[in-house]
Amino acid sequence: MKDSVFTITENVNIAKNVYRMTLAGDASAIKNPGEFINIRLDGFFLRRPISVYDVSDSSVTIIYKVVGKGTAVMSRMAVGEALQVLTGLGNGYDLSVSGGHPLLIGGGVGVPPMYLLAKRLLGQGKRVSVILGFNTEDEVFGEEEFKAIGCDVTVTTVDGSHGVRGFVTDALPKEYTYFYTCGPEPMLKAVYRATDTSGQFSFEERMGCGFGACMGCSCKTVTGYKRICKDGPVLRKEEILWEK
């Protein structure tokens, strides 16, 4: 974990209420797809945890949705402004168990961590299929970016305005060796029920500190309580216990 100052080099609207921000600075602490950063905003007590979309040693790119006052402030920030950012948070995805044809499933703001994961898996010579799920066409982002790096891409929208009508589970392929997923909990539950192979789930939780000290994001697993920010956000399918 590293606390550093980053400078905004891009902050653009890419879909309905969705923005892409690139930050220049020391991003060397970010090692694995699925990790997140925690951004301090002036005037707000809690930092904002945002998953990593892409990274190099000298920059990190995030994609975030405006859902409250903090992210609304972020959406109005200009190129050249500075942000205090904690990097290298979370455990990230384990790529060693993916097999030859991994399936990546992202829903809404769960799509961004799939991009860096896809790049790393493709770099290992894997055939990567991606399902991106949204409610409607004006929320869709990432389709062309995933295609450009060599993924087989399917987009679903609940209202059928773009791609396959329905949910991500309506577009599951017949064959894949392993899956990785991130999105809202109802989607994750549906993926859990609909998939036959093992897989890894990245959970979205409200976090206090973001690095395991406050225990505010703990959840129960088959091996006891785990902190989503520290022991997660990625959990294996076999260890998940869903709340009834």
C-alpha atoms as a PDB file:
ATOM      1  CA  MET A   1       0.000   0.000   0.000  1.00  0.00           C
ATOM      2  CA  LYS A   2       1.282   3.453  -0.915  1.00  0.00           C
ATOM      3  CA  ASP A   3      -0.143   6.935  -0.278  1.00  0.00           C
ATOM      4  CA  SER A   4       0.856   9.297  -3.110  1.00  0.00           C
ATOM      5  CA  VAL A   5      -0.142  12.489  -4.876  1.00  0.00           C
ATOM      6  CA  PHE A   6      -1.465  12.023  -8.411  1.00  0.00           C
ATOM      7  CA  THR A   7      -2.289  14.609 -11.066  1.00  0.00           C
ATOM      8  CA  ILE A   8      -5.384  14.356 -13.254  1.00  0.00           C
ATOM      9  CA  THR A   9      -4.499  14.093 -16.954  1.00  0.00           C
ATOM     10  CA  GLU A  10      -7.967  13.073 -18.194  1.00  0.00           C
ATOM     11  CA  ASN A  11     -11.499  13.192 -16.808  1.00  0.00           C
ATOM     12  CA  VAL A  12     -14.131  12.565 -19.490  1.00  0.00           C
ATOM     13  CA  ASN A  13     -17.762  11.466 -19.643  1.00  0.00           C
ATOM     14  CA  ILE A  14     -18.004   8.131 -21.531  1.00  0.00           C
ATOM     15  CA  ALA A  15     -21.601   7.009 -20.825  1.00  0.00           C
ATOM     16  CA  LYS A  16     -24.620   8.087 -18.784  1.00  0.00           C
ATOM     17  CA  ASN A  17     -23.205   9.277 -15.424  1.00  0.00           C
ATOM     18  CA  VAL A  18     -19.959   7.363 -16.107  1.00  0.00           C
ATOM     19  CA  TYR A  19     -16.510   8.971 -16.317  1.00  0.00           C
ATOM     20  CA  ARG A  20     -12.995   7.858 -17.150  1.00  0.00           C
ATOM     21  CA  MET A  21     -10.193   9.498 -15.168  1.00  0.00           C
ATOM     22  CA  THR A  22      -6.460   9.033 -15.712  1.00  0.00           C
ATOM     23  CA  LEU A  23      -4.063   9.992 -12.935  1.00  0.00           C
ATOM     24  CA  ALA A  24      -0.329  10.516 -13.400  1.00  0.00           C
ATOM     25  CA  GLY A  25       1.904   9.424 -10.528  1.00  0.00           C
ATOM     26  CA  ASP A  26       3.678   6.484  -8.935  1.00  0.00           C
ATOM     27  CA  ALA A  27       1.369   3.526  -9.553  1.00  0.00           C
ATOM     28  CA  SER A  28       4.028   0.858  -8.978  1.00  0.00           C
ATOM     29  CA  ALA A  29       2.206  -0.494  -5.893  1.00  0.00           C
ATOM     30  CA  ILE A  30      -0.638  -1.769  -8.115  1.00  0.00           C
ATOM     31  CA  LYS A  31       0.267  -5.341  -9.047  1.00  0.00           C
ATOM     32  CA  ASN A  32      -2.854  -7.379  -9.857  1.00  0.00           C
ATOM     33  CA  PRO A  33      -6.074  -6.907 -11.834  1.00  0.00           C
ATOM     34  CA  GLY A  34      -8.955  -6.457  -9.404  1.00  0.00           C
ATOM     35  CA  GLU A  35      -7.081  -4.205  -6.987  1.00  0.00           C
ATOM     36  CA  PHE A  36      -8.539  -0.785  -6.170  1.00  0.00           C
ATOM     37  CA  ILE A  37      -7.405   2.685  -5.194  1.00  0.00           C
ATOM     38  CA  ASN A  38      -8.814   4.916  -2.450  1.00  0.00           C
ATOM     39  CA  ILE A  39      -9.138   8.616  -3.256  1.00  0.00           C
ATOM     40  CA  ARG A  40      -9.191  11.416  -0.672  1.00  0.00           C
ATOM     41  CA  LEU A  41     -11.490  14.316  -1.519  1.00  0.00           C
ATOM     42  CA  ASP A  42     -11.375  17.629   0.285  1.00  0.00           C
ATOM     43  CA  GLY A  43     -14.414  18.090   2.501  1.00  0.00           C
ATOM     44  CA  PHE A  44     -15.223  14.371   2.794  1.00  0.00           C
ATOM     45  CA  PHE A  45     -14.297  12.219   5.778  1.00  0.00           C
ATOM     46  CA  LEU A  46     -14.165   8.873   3.948  1.00  0.00           C
ATOM     47  CA  ARG A  47     -12.086   8.186   0.866  1.00  0.00           C
ATOM     48  CA  ARG A  48     -13.707   6.874  -2.331  1.00  0.00           C
ATOM     49  CA  PRO A  49     -12.693   3.304  -3.293  1.00  0.00           C
ATOM     50  CA  ILE A  50     -12.548   2.867  -7.087  1.00  0.00           C
ATOM     51  CA  SER A  51     -11.436  -0.227  -9.007  1.00  0.00           C
ATOM     52  CA  VAL A  52      -8.471  -0.042 -11.378  1.00  0.00           C
ATOM     53  CA  TYR A  53      -9.292  -0.054 -15.103  1.00  0.00           C
ATOM     54  CA  ASP A  54      -5.729   0.136 -16.447  1.00  0.00           C
ATOM     55  CA  VAL A  55      -2.285   0.889 -15.052  1.00  0.00           C
ATOM     56  CA  SER A  56       1.338   1.596 -15.874  1.00  0.00           C
ATOM     57  CA  ASP A  57       4.187   2.443 -13.516  1.00  0.00           C
ATOM     58  CA  SER A  58       3.503   6.153 -14.042  1.00  0.00           C
ATOM     59  CA  SER A  59      -0.301   6.321 -14.296  1.00  0.00           C
ATOM     60  CA  VAL A  60      -3.548   4.667 -13.302  1.00  0.00           C
ATOM     61  CA  THR A  61      -6.896   4.871 -15.095  1.00  0.00           C
ATOM     62  CA  ILE A  62     -10.229   4.424 -13.345  1.00  0.00           C
ATOM     63  CA  ILE A  63     -13.824   4.402 -14.548  1.00  0.00           C
ATOM     64  CA  TYR A  64     -16.395   5.574 -12.030  1.00  0.00           C
ATOM     65  CA  LYS A  65     -20.115   6.297 -11.883  1.00  0.00           C
ATOM     66  CA  VAL A  66     -21.609   9.394 -10.286  1.00  0.00           C
ATOM     67  CA  VAL A  67     -23.740   7.978  -7.472  1.00  0.00           C
ATOM     68  CA  GLY A  68     -23.354  10.562  -4.710  1.00  0.00           C
ATOM     69  CA  LYS A  69     -21.778  13.835  -3.656  1.00  0.00           C
ATOM     70  CA  GLY A  70     -18.198  12.546  -3.684  1.00  0.00           C
ATOM     71  CA  THR A  71     -18.239  11.134  -7.205  1.00  0.00           C
ATOM     72  CA  ALA A  72     -20.148  14.226  -8.366  1.00  0.00           C
ATOM     73  CA  VAL A  73     -17.226  16.328  -7.117  1.00  0.00           C
ATOM     74  CA  MET A  74     -14.820  14.021  -8.963  1.00  0.00           C
ATOM     75  CA  SER A  75     -16.754  14.446 -12.215  1.00  0.00           C
ATOM     76  CA  ARG A  76     -16.204  18.223 -12.092  1.00  0.00           C
ATOM     77  CA  MET A  77     -12.464  18.056 -11.441  1.00  0.00           C
ATOM     78  CA  ALA A  78     -10.178  19.440 -14.142  1.00  0.00           C
ATOM     79  CA  VAL A  79      -6.976  18.296 -15.785  1.00  0.00           C
ATOM     80  CA  GLY A  80      -4.026  19.422 -13.660  1.00  0.00           C
ATOM     81  CA  GLU A  81      -5.744  19.084 -10.290  1.00  0.00           C
ATOM     82  CA  ALA A  82      -4.049  16.895  -7.676  1.00  0.00           C
ATOM     83  CA  LEU A  83      -5.491  14.041  -5.628  1.00  0.00           C
ATOM     84  CA  GLN A  84      -4.145  12.115  -2.639  1.00  0.00           C
ATOM     85  CA  VAL A  85      -4.504   8.418  -3.492  1.00  0.00           C
ATOM     86  CA  LEU A  86      -3.876   5.144  -1.672  1.00  0.00           C
ATOM     87  CA  THR A  87      -2.748   2.485  -4.171  1.00  0.00           C
ATOM     88  CA  GLY A  88      -2.112  -1.244  -4.036  1.00  0.00           C
ATOM     89  CA  LEU A  89      -5.298  -2.092  -2.120  1.00  0.00           C
ATOM     90  CA  GLY A  90      -7.124  -5.422  -2.218  1.00  0.00           C
ATOM     91  CA  ASN A  91      -6.005  -8.888  -3.228  1.00  0.00           C
ATOM     92  CA  GLY A  92      -6.939  -8.867  -6.926  1.00  0.00           C
ATOM     93  CA  TYR A  93      -7.671 -11.827  -9.190  1.00  0.00           C
ATOM     94  CA  ASP A  94      -5.597 -15.007  -9.362  1.00  0.00           C
ATOM     95  CA  LEU A  95      -4.752 -15.618 -13.032  1.00  0.00           C
ATOM     96  CA  SER A  96      -2.964 -18.934 -12.486  1.00  0.00           C
ATOM     97  CA  VAL A  97      -6.188 -20.994 -12.421  1.00  0.00           C
ATOM     98  CA  SER A  98      -7.931 -19.584 -15.519  1.00  0.00           C
ATOM     99  CA  GLY A  99      -7.370 -22.444 -17.966  1.00  0.00           C
ATOM    100  CA  GLY A 100      -7.205 -21.826 -21.690  1.00  0.00           C
ATOM    101  CA  HIS A 101     -10.551 -20.083 -22.223  1.00  0.00           C
ATOM    102  CA  PRO A 102     -11.525 -17.831 -19.297  1.00  0.00           C
ATOM    103  CA  LEU A 103     -14.838 -15.971 -19.244  1.00  0.00           C
ATOM    104  CA  LEU A 104     -14.997 -12.431 -17.814  1.00  0.00           C
ATOM    105  CA  ILE A 105     -18.398 -11.106 -16.668  1.00  0.00           C
ATOM    106  CA  GLY A 106     -18.827  -7.458 -15.714  1.00  0.00           C
ATOM    107  CA  GLY A 107     -21.992  -5.595 -14.816  1.00  0.00           C
ATOM    108  CA  GLY A 108     -22.186  -1.779 -14.821  1.00  0.00           C
ATOM    109  CA  VAL A 109     -19.356  -0.328 -12.754  1.00  0.00           C
ATOM    110  CA  GLY A 110     -18.146  -3.914 -12.337  1.00  0.00           C
ATOM    111  CA  VAL A 111     -16.902  -3.753 -15.932  1.00  0.00           C
ATOM    112  CA  PRO A 112     -13.696  -1.688 -15.361  1.00  0.00           C
ATOM    113  CA  PRO A 113     -11.565  -4.279 -13.493  1.00  0.00           C
ATOM    114  CA  MET A 114     -12.287  -6.764 -16.288  1.00  0.00           C
ATOM    115  CA  TYR A 115     -10.204  -4.702 -18.734  1.00  0.00           C
ATOM    116  CA  LEU A 116      -6.833  -5.013 -17.012  1.00  0.00           C
ATOM    117  CA  LEU A 117      -7.646  -8.647 -16.244  1.00  0.00           C
ATOM    118  CA  ALA A 118      -8.369  -9.290 -19.929  1.00  0.00           C
ATOM    119  CA  LYS A 119      -5.084  -7.673 -20.974  1.00  0.00           C
ATOM    120  CA  ARG A 120      -3.093  -9.829 -18.564  1.00  0.00           C
ATOM    121  CA  LEU A 121      -4.867 -13.064 -19.608  1.00  0.00           C
ATOM    122  CA  LEU A 122      -4.422 -12.281 -23.292  1.00  0.00           C
ATOM    123  CA  GLY A 123      -0.751 -11.683 -22.559  1.00  0.00           C
ATOM    124  CA  GLN A 124      -0.596 -15.275 -21.287  1.00  0.00           C
ATOM    125  CA  GLY A 125      -1.925 -16.500 -24.629  1.00  0.00           C
ATOM    126  CA  LYS A 126      -5.434 -17.265 -23.356  1.00  0.00           C
ATOM    127  CA  ARG A 127      -8.624 -17.018 -25.416  1.00  0.00           C
ATOM    128  CA  VAL A 128     -10.701 -14.469 -23.513  1.00  0.00           C
ATOM    129  CA  SER A 129     -14.482 -14.085 -23.761  1.00  0.00           C
ATOM    130  CA  VAL A 130     -16.177 -11.106 -22.119  1.00  0.00           C
ATOM    131  CA  ILE A 131     -19.813 -10.394 -21.224  1.00  0.00           C
ATOM    132  CA  LEU A 132     -20.647  -6.784 -20.370  1.00  0.00           C
ATOM    133  CA  GLY A 133     -24.043  -6.156 -18.769  1.00  0.00           C
ATOM    134  CA  PHE A 134     -25.983  -2.876 -18.575  1.00  0.00           C
ATOM    135  CA  ASN A 135     -29.556  -1.699 -18.093  1.00  0.00           C
ATOM    136  CA  THR A 136     -29.869   0.271 -21.314  1.00  0.00           C
ATOM    137  CA  GLU A 137     -27.848   1.452 -24.334  1.00  0.00           C
ATOM    138  CA  ASP A 138     -26.905   4.873 -22.940  1.00  0.00           C
ATOM    139  CA  GLU A 139     -25.058   3.150 -20.073  1.00  0.00           C
ATOM    140  CA  VAL A 140     -22.880   0.962 -22.336  1.00  0.00           C
ATOM    141  CA  PHE A 141     -19.117   1.484 -22.314  1.00  0.00           C
ATOM    142  CA  GLY A 142     -16.029  -0.618 -22.972  1.00  0.00           C
ATOM    143  CA  GLU A 143     -17.332  -2.718 -25.858  1.00  0.00           C
ATOM    144  CA  GLU A 144     -14.929  -1.393 -28.493  1.00  0.00           C
ATOM    145  CA  GLU A 145     -12.001  -1.255 -26.058  1.00  0.00           C
ATOM    146  CA  PHE A 146     -12.323  -4.952 -25.211  1.00  0.00           C
ATOM    147  CA  LYS A 147     -12.674  -5.865 -28.875  1.00  0.00           C
ATOM    148  CA  ALA A 148      -9.589  -3.800 -29.746  1.00  0.00           C
ATOM    149  CA  ILE A 149      -7.327  -5.850 -27.480  1.00  0.00           C
ATOM    150  CA  GLY A 150      -8.603  -9.164 -28.873  1.00  0.00           C
ATOM    151  CA  CYS A 151     -11.509 -10.333 -26.697  1.00  0.00           C
ATOM    152  CA  ASP A 152     -14.685 -12.036 -27.861  1.00  0.00           C
ATOM    153  CA  VAL A 153     -17.275  -9.537 -26.576  1.00  0.00           C
ATOM    154  CA  THR A 154     -20.996  -9.864 -25.878  1.00  0.00           C
ATOM    155  CA  VAL A 155     -23.043  -6.946 -24.534  1.00  0.00           C
ATOM    156  CA  THR A 156     -26.373  -7.388 -22.782  1.00  0.00           C
ATOM    157  CA  THR A 157     -28.952  -4.754 -21.906  1.00  0.00           C
ATOM    158  CA  VAL A 158     -31.986  -5.390 -19.752  1.00  0.00           C
ATOM    159  CA  ASP A 159     -34.277  -3.478 -22.128  1.00  0.00           C
ATOM    160  CA  GLY A 160     -32.755  -4.938 -25.302  1.00  0.00           C
ATOM    161  CA  SER A 161     -31.701  -1.531 -26.663  1.00  0.00           C
ATOM    162  CA  HIS A 162     -28.179  -2.806 -27.419  1.00  0.00           C
ATOM    163  CA  GLY A 163     -26.801  -6.307 -27.852  1.00  0.00           C
ATOM    164  CA  VAL A 164     -28.540  -9.276 -26.244  1.00  0.00           C
ATOM    165  CA  ARG A 165     -31.789  -8.557 -24.414  1.00  0.00           C
ATOM    166  CA  GLY A 166     -31.641  -9.619 -20.777  1.00  0.00           C
ATOM    167  CA  PHE A 167     -29.024 -10.192 -18.117  1.00  0.00           C
ATOM    168  CA  VAL A 168     -25.423 -11.399 -18.300  1.00  0.00           C
ATOM    169  CA  THR A 169     -26.607 -14.896 -17.414  1.00  0.00           C
ATOM    170  CA  ASP A 170     -28.710 -14.927 -20.603  1.00  0.00           C
ATOM    171  CA  ALA A 171     -25.502 -14.724 -22.654  1.00  0.00           C
ATOM    172  CA  LEU A 172     -23.349 -17.363 -20.966  1.00  0.00           C
ATOM    173  CA  PRO A 173     -21.441 -19.417 -23.562  1.00  0.00           C
ATOM    174  CA  LYS A 174     -21.624 -23.194 -23.562  1.00  0.00           C
ATOM    175  CA  GLU A 175     -17.879 -23.622 -23.139  1.00  0.00           C
ATOM    176  CA  TYR A 176     -15.326 -21.854 -20.932  1.00  0.00           C
ATOM    177  CA  THR A 177     -12.699 -23.101 -18.511  1.00  0.00           C
ATOM    178  CA  TYR A 178     -13.105 -20.635 -15.640  1.00  0.00           C
ATOM    179  CA  PHE A 179     -14.815 -17.325 -14.922  1.00  0.00           C
ATOM    180  CA  TYR A 180     -14.121 -13.993 -13.248  1.00  0.00           C
ATOM    181  CA  THR A 181     -16.880 -11.553 -12.381  1.00  0.00           C
ATOM    182  CA  CYS A 182     -17.573  -8.178 -10.783  1.00  0.00           C
ATOM    183  CA  GLY A 183     -20.825  -6.276 -10.379  1.00  0.00           C
ATOM    184  CA  PRO A 184     -23.795  -5.633  -8.104  1.00  0.00           C
ATOM    185  CA  GLU A 185     -24.677  -8.393  -5.672  1.00  0.00           C
ATOM    186  CA  PRO A 186     -27.914  -9.521  -7.408  1.00  0.00           C
ATOM    187  CA  MET A 187     -25.874 -10.110 -10.576  1.00  0.00           C
ATOM    188  CA  LEU A 188     -23.176 -11.974  -8.651  1.00  0.00           C
ATOM    189  CA  LYS A 189     -25.782 -14.243  -7.065  1.00  0.00           C
ATOM    190  CA  ALA A 190     -27.261 -14.984 -10.489  1.00  0.00           C
ATOM    191  CA  VAL A 191     -23.815 -15.767 -11.928  1.00  0.00           C
ATOM    192  CA  TYR A 192     -23.095 -18.027  -8.955  1.00  0.00           C
ATOM    193  CA  ARG A 193     -26.251 -20.045  -9.661  1.00  0.00           C
ATOM    194  CA  ALA A 194     -25.851 -20.149 -13.448  1.00  0.00           C
ATOM    195  CA  THR A 195     -22.195 -21.183 -13.757  1.00  0.00           C
ATOM    196  CA  ASP A 196     -20.856 -24.729 -13.677  1.00  0.00           C
ATOM    197  CA  THR A 197     -17.124 -24.087 -13.294  1.00  0.00           C
ATOM    198  CA  SER A 198     -15.180 -22.555 -10.454  1.00  0.00           C
ATOM    199  CA  GLY A 199     -14.635 -18.810 -10.527  1.00  0.00           C
ATOM    200  CA  GLN A 200     -13.739 -15.634  -8.672  1.00  0.00           C
ATOM    201  CA  PHE A 201     -16.110 -12.873  -7.553  1.00  0.00           C
ATOM    202  CA  SER A 202     -15.156  -9.263  -6.853  1.00  0.00           C
ATOM    203  CA  PHE A 203     -17.548  -7.655  -4.365  1.00  0.00           C
ATOM    204  CA  GLU A 204     -18.653  -4.049  -4.140  1.00  0.00           C
ATOM    205  CA  GLU A 205     -18.963  -2.968  -0.494  1.00  0.00           C
ATOM    206  CA  ARG A 206     -19.109   0.324   1.366  1.00  0.00           C
ATOM    207  CA  MET A 207     -15.708   0.773   2.978  1.00  0.00           C
ATOM    208  CA  GLY A 208     -14.498   2.900   5.851  1.00  0.00           C
ATOM    209  CA  CYS A 209     -10.710   2.822   5.910  1.00  0.00           C
ATOM    210  CA  GLY A 210     -10.117   0.703   2.789  1.00  0.00           C
ATOM    211  CA  PHE A 211      -7.186  -1.247   4.252  1.00  0.00           C
ATOM    212  CA  GLY A 212      -8.609  -3.576   6.885  1.00  0.00           C
ATOM    213  CA  ALA A 213      -8.401  -1.578  10.096  1.00  0.00           C
ATOM    214  CA  CYS A 214     -12.026  -0.640  10.746  1.00  0.00           C
ATOM    215  CA  MET A 215     -13.683  -4.025   9.980  1.00  0.00           C
ATOM    216  CA  GLY A 216     -16.637  -2.143   8.471  1.00  0.00           C
ATOM    217  CA  CYS A 217     -16.804  -4.245   5.311  1.00  0.00           C
ATOM    218  CA  SER A 218     -16.560  -7.723   6.864  1.00  0.00           C
ATOM    219  CA  CYS A 219     -18.560 -10.567   5.402  1.00  0.00           C
ATOM    220  CA  LYS A 220     -19.060 -14.181   6.454  1.00  0.00           C
ATOM    221  CA  THR A 221     -17.378 -16.941   4.415  1.00  0.00           C
ATOM    222  CA  VAL A 222     -16.994 -20.706   4.850  1.00  0.00           C
ATOM    223  CA  THR A 223     -13.701 -20.054   6.653  1.00  0.00           C
ATOM    224  CA  GLY A 224     -14.966 -17.234   8.868  1.00  0.00           C
ATOM    225  CA  TYR A 225     -15.284 -13.477   8.480  1.00  0.00           C
ATOM    226  CA  LYS A 226     -13.218 -11.698   5.831  1.00  0.00           C
ATOM    227  CA  ARG A 227     -12.700  -8.021   5.163  1.00  0.00           C
ATOM    228  CA  ILE A 228     -13.686  -7.134   1.587  1.00  0.00           C
ATOM    229  CA  CYS A 229     -11.108  -4.331   1.428  1.00  0.00           C
ATOM    230  CA  LYS A 230      -8.169  -6.388   2.743  1.00  0.00           C
ATOM    231  CA  ASP A 231      -8.937 -10.100   2.306  1.00  0.00           C
ATOM    232  CA  GLY A 232     -10.934  -9.293  -0.849  1.00  0.00           C
ATOM    233  CA  PRO A 233     -12.499  -7.763  -2.793  1.00  0.00           C
ATOM    234  CA  VAL A 234     -11.995 -11.032  -4.694  1.00  0.00           C
ATOM    235  CA  LEU A 235     -13.384 -14.250  -3.192  1.00  0.00           C
ATOM    236  CA  ARG A 236     -13.428 -17.714  -4.740  1.00  0.00           C
ATOM    237  CA  LYS A 237     -16.781 -19.270  -5.564  1.00  0.00           C
ATOM    238  CA  GLU A 238     -16.229 -22.116  -3.102  1.00  0.00           C
ATOM    239  CA  GLU A 239     -15.806 -19.821  -0.078  1.00  0.00           C
ATOM    240  CA  ILE A 240     -18.869 -17.601  -0.574  1.00  0.00           C
ATOM    241  CA  LEU A 241     -21.840 -17.744   1.786  1.00  0.00           C
ATOM    242  CA  TRP A 242     -24.819 -15.725   0.599  1.00  0.00           C
ATOM    243  CA  GLU A 243     -27.027 -13.928   3.114  1.00  0.00           C
ATOM    244  CA  LYS A 244     -30.579 -15.287   3.037  1.00  0.00           C
END
